[in-house]
N, C-alpha and C. Protein backbone atom coordinates (compact mmCIF):
# COMPACT_ATOMS: atom_id res chain seq x y z
N UNK A 1 91.63 152.79 72.90
CA UNK A 1 91.26 153.23 74.22
C UNK A 1 91.95 152.35 75.26
N UNK A 2 93.07 152.82 75.74
CA UNK A 2 93.88 152.06 76.68
C UNK A 2 93.19 151.82 78.02
N UNK A 3 92.27 152.69 78.39
CA UNK A 3 91.65 152.61 79.70
C UNK A 3 90.38 151.77 79.73
N UNK A 4 89.98 151.22 78.59
CA UNK A 4 88.71 150.50 78.53
C UNK A 4 88.63 149.35 79.53
N UNK A 5 89.65 148.54 79.62
CA UNK A 5 89.60 147.40 80.54
C UNK A 5 89.45 147.86 81.99
N UNK A 6 90.17 148.90 82.38
CA UNK A 6 90.07 149.41 83.75
C UNK A 6 88.72 150.02 84.04
N UNK A 7 88.21 150.83 83.12
CA UNK A 7 86.89 151.44 83.31
C UNK A 7 85.84 150.35 83.40
N UNK A 8 85.91 149.38 82.52
CA UNK A 8 84.92 148.30 82.53
C UNK A 8 84.98 147.51 83.83
N UNK A 9 86.18 147.31 84.35
CA UNK A 9 86.34 146.54 85.59
C UNK A 9 85.60 147.22 86.74
N UNK A 10 85.79 148.53 86.93
CA UNK A 10 85.12 149.16 88.07
C UNK A 10 83.67 149.52 87.76
N UNK A 11 83.38 149.94 86.54
CA UNK A 11 82.03 150.41 86.21
C UNK A 11 81.01 149.29 86.06
N UNK A 12 81.47 148.06 85.97
CA UNK A 12 80.55 146.93 85.88
C UNK A 12 80.37 146.21 87.22
N UNK A 13 81.08 146.68 88.23
CA UNK A 13 81.04 146.05 89.55
C UNK A 13 79.90 146.68 90.37
N UNK A 14 78.89 145.91 90.68
CA UNK A 14 77.73 146.42 91.40
C UNK A 14 78.10 147.01 92.75
N UNK A 15 79.14 146.49 93.40
CA UNK A 15 79.56 147.05 94.69
C UNK A 15 80.08 148.47 94.52
N UNK A 16 80.67 148.76 93.38
CA UNK A 16 81.21 150.09 93.12
C UNK A 16 80.10 151.07 92.75
N UNK A 17 79.17 150.65 91.91
CA UNK A 17 78.18 151.58 91.35
C UNK A 17 76.85 151.61 92.10
N UNK A 18 76.76 150.87 93.18
CA UNK A 18 75.48 150.74 93.88
C UNK A 18 74.83 152.09 94.18
N UNK A 19 75.59 153.09 94.60
CA UNK A 19 75.02 154.39 94.97
C UNK A 19 75.37 155.49 93.97
N UNK A 20 75.79 155.10 92.77
CA UNK A 20 76.15 156.08 91.75
C UNK A 20 75.01 156.26 90.77
N UNK A 21 75.13 157.26 89.91
CA UNK A 21 74.07 157.56 88.95
C UNK A 21 74.23 156.79 87.65
N UNK A 22 75.17 155.87 87.57
CA UNK A 22 75.37 155.05 86.37
C UNK A 22 75.64 153.61 86.80
N UNK A 23 75.59 152.74 85.82
CA UNK A 23 76.02 151.36 86.01
C UNK A 23 74.96 150.46 86.60
N UNK A 24 75.28 149.21 86.64
CA UNK A 24 76.55 148.67 86.16
C UNK A 24 76.63 148.74 84.64
N UNK A 25 77.83 149.08 84.15
CA UNK A 25 78.05 149.27 82.72
C UNK A 25 78.31 147.97 82.00
N UNK A 26 77.83 147.90 80.75
CA UNK A 26 78.32 146.87 79.85
C UNK A 26 79.47 147.50 79.06
N UNK A 27 80.13 146.74 78.20
CA UNK A 27 81.30 147.28 77.51
C UNK A 27 80.96 148.47 76.63
N UNK A 28 79.81 148.46 75.98
CA UNK A 28 79.46 149.60 75.13
C UNK A 28 79.23 150.87 75.96
N UNK A 29 78.72 150.74 77.18
CA UNK A 29 78.58 151.90 78.07
C UNK A 29 79.95 152.50 78.40
N UNK A 30 80.91 151.63 78.67
CA UNK A 30 82.26 152.09 79.01
C UNK A 30 82.95 152.73 77.81
N UNK A 31 82.74 152.17 76.63
CA UNK A 31 83.29 152.77 75.40
C UNK A 31 82.70 154.16 75.21
N UNK A 32 81.39 154.30 75.42
CA UNK A 32 80.73 155.60 75.27
C UNK A 32 81.25 156.61 76.30
N UNK A 33 81.47 156.19 77.53
CA UNK A 33 82.04 157.07 78.55
C UNK A 33 83.40 157.61 78.10
N UNK A 34 84.26 156.72 77.60
CA UNK A 34 85.59 157.14 77.16
C UNK A 34 85.51 158.03 75.92
N UNK A 35 84.56 157.77 75.04
CA UNK A 35 84.37 158.62 73.86
C UNK A 35 83.96 160.02 74.29
N UNK A 36 83.04 160.11 75.26
CA UNK A 36 82.62 161.43 75.76
C UNK A 36 83.79 162.16 76.42
N UNK A 37 84.64 161.43 77.11
CA UNK A 37 85.83 162.06 77.73
C UNK A 37 86.72 162.67 76.67
N UNK A 38 86.89 161.99 75.56
CA UNK A 38 87.73 162.51 74.48
C UNK A 38 87.10 163.76 73.87
N UNK A 39 85.79 163.75 73.67
CA UNK A 39 85.10 164.92 73.13
C UNK A 39 85.21 166.09 74.10
N UNK A 40 84.99 165.83 75.38
CA UNK A 40 85.09 166.89 76.40
C UNK A 40 86.48 167.49 76.45
N UNK A 41 87.51 166.65 76.29
CA UNK A 41 88.89 167.13 76.35
C UNK A 41 89.18 168.10 75.22
N UNK A 42 88.53 167.92 74.07
CA UNK A 42 88.78 168.77 72.91
C UNK A 42 87.93 170.04 72.89
N UNK A 43 86.95 170.13 73.76
CA UNK A 43 86.03 171.27 73.75
C UNK A 43 86.75 172.56 74.14
N UNK A 44 86.34 173.66 73.50
CA UNK A 44 86.88 174.97 73.81
C UNK A 44 85.73 175.93 74.04
N UNK A 45 85.56 176.50 75.18
CA UNK A 45 86.36 176.25 76.37
C UNK A 45 85.97 174.91 76.99
N UNK A 46 86.92 174.32 77.62
CA UNK A 46 86.66 173.03 78.25
C UNK A 46 85.89 173.24 79.55
N UNK A 47 84.77 172.51 79.69
CA UNK A 47 83.95 172.64 80.89
C UNK A 47 83.85 171.34 81.68
N UNK A 48 84.10 170.22 81.04
CA UNK A 48 83.97 168.92 81.71
C UNK A 48 85.32 168.22 81.74
N UNK A 49 85.74 167.86 82.93
CA UNK A 49 87.05 167.24 83.14
C UNK A 49 86.84 165.90 83.86
N UNK A 50 87.36 164.84 83.27
CA UNK A 50 87.30 163.52 83.91
C UNK A 50 88.71 163.17 84.38
N UNK A 51 88.80 162.65 85.58
CA UNK A 51 90.09 162.30 86.18
C UNK A 51 90.08 160.82 86.57
N UNK A 52 91.16 160.16 86.25
CA UNK A 52 91.31 158.75 86.64
C UNK A 52 91.75 158.67 88.09
N UNK A 53 91.24 157.69 88.79
CA UNK A 53 91.71 157.38 90.15
C UNK A 53 92.51 156.09 90.03
N UNK A 54 93.79 156.20 90.32
CA UNK A 54 94.73 155.09 90.12
C UNK A 54 95.34 154.71 91.46
N UNK A 55 95.32 153.41 91.76
CA UNK A 55 95.92 152.92 93.00
C UNK A 55 97.44 153.05 92.88
N UNK A 56 98.05 153.73 93.81
CA UNK A 56 99.48 154.02 93.75
C UNK A 56 100.34 152.76 93.79
N UNK A 57 99.95 151.76 94.56
CA UNK A 57 100.78 150.57 94.75
C UNK A 57 101.04 149.82 93.45
N UNK A 58 100.01 149.75 92.57
CA UNK A 58 100.18 148.95 91.36
C UNK A 58 99.70 149.65 90.09
N UNK A 59 99.38 150.94 90.19
CA UNK A 59 98.93 151.75 89.05
C UNK A 59 97.65 151.23 88.41
N UNK A 60 96.83 150.50 89.15
CA UNK A 60 95.57 150.00 88.61
C UNK A 60 94.51 151.10 88.63
N UNK A 61 93.81 151.25 87.52
CA UNK A 61 92.69 152.18 87.44
C UNK A 61 91.55 151.62 88.28
N UNK A 62 91.15 152.37 89.30
CA UNK A 62 90.12 151.87 90.22
C UNK A 62 88.87 152.74 90.26
N UNK A 63 88.86 153.85 89.54
CA UNK A 63 87.70 154.71 89.55
C UNK A 63 87.95 155.98 88.77
N UNK A 64 86.98 156.87 88.83
CA UNK A 64 87.12 158.17 88.18
C UNK A 64 86.28 159.19 88.94
N UNK A 65 86.57 160.44 88.68
CA UNK A 65 85.77 161.53 89.22
C UNK A 65 85.77 162.64 88.19
N UNK A 66 84.88 163.59 88.34
CA UNK A 66 84.79 164.65 87.35
C UNK A 66 84.63 166.02 87.97
N UNK A 67 85.00 166.99 87.19
CA UNK A 67 84.81 168.40 87.53
C UNK A 67 84.06 169.01 86.36
N UNK A 68 82.89 169.55 86.64
CA UNK A 68 82.03 170.09 85.59
C UNK A 68 81.80 171.57 85.86
N UNK A 69 82.41 172.41 85.06
CA UNK A 69 82.37 173.86 85.25
C UNK A 69 81.15 174.43 84.55
N UNK A 70 80.37 175.19 85.28
CA UNK A 70 79.18 175.82 84.74
C UNK A 70 79.18 177.29 85.16
N UNK A 71 78.63 178.16 84.32
CA UNK A 71 78.60 179.58 84.70
C UNK A 71 77.80 179.78 85.98
N UNK A 72 78.29 180.67 86.82
CA UNK A 72 77.60 181.00 88.05
C UNK A 72 76.44 181.94 87.71
N UNK A 73 75.29 181.63 88.22
CA UNK A 73 74.13 182.48 88.00
C UNK A 73 73.72 183.07 89.34
N UNK A 74 73.66 184.38 89.39
CA UNK A 74 73.25 185.04 90.61
C UNK A 74 71.79 184.73 90.91
N UNK A 75 71.55 184.21 92.08
CA UNK A 75 70.18 183.85 92.45
C UNK A 75 69.51 185.03 93.12
N UNK A 76 68.23 185.15 92.86
CA UNK A 76 67.48 186.27 93.43
C UNK A 76 66.68 185.87 94.65
N UNK A 77 66.67 184.60 94.99
CA UNK A 77 65.90 184.19 96.17
C UNK A 77 66.75 183.42 97.13
């Protein structure tokens, strides 16, 4: 997992995760996140997409975001 160090760096930083639904992560949390990303990538049809946020100046991994596709359900109210 080449991205483990970068994920761990941002996901364990309280300033980064203060208002997020996860974290701060320990290393096993970050390993599990990357494992889930690999499983999601192999799913057919793929519904969960994780994207790396990389600083252009030095290519450092500084965050991530996701796109989670779910069937649209027509609401009656």
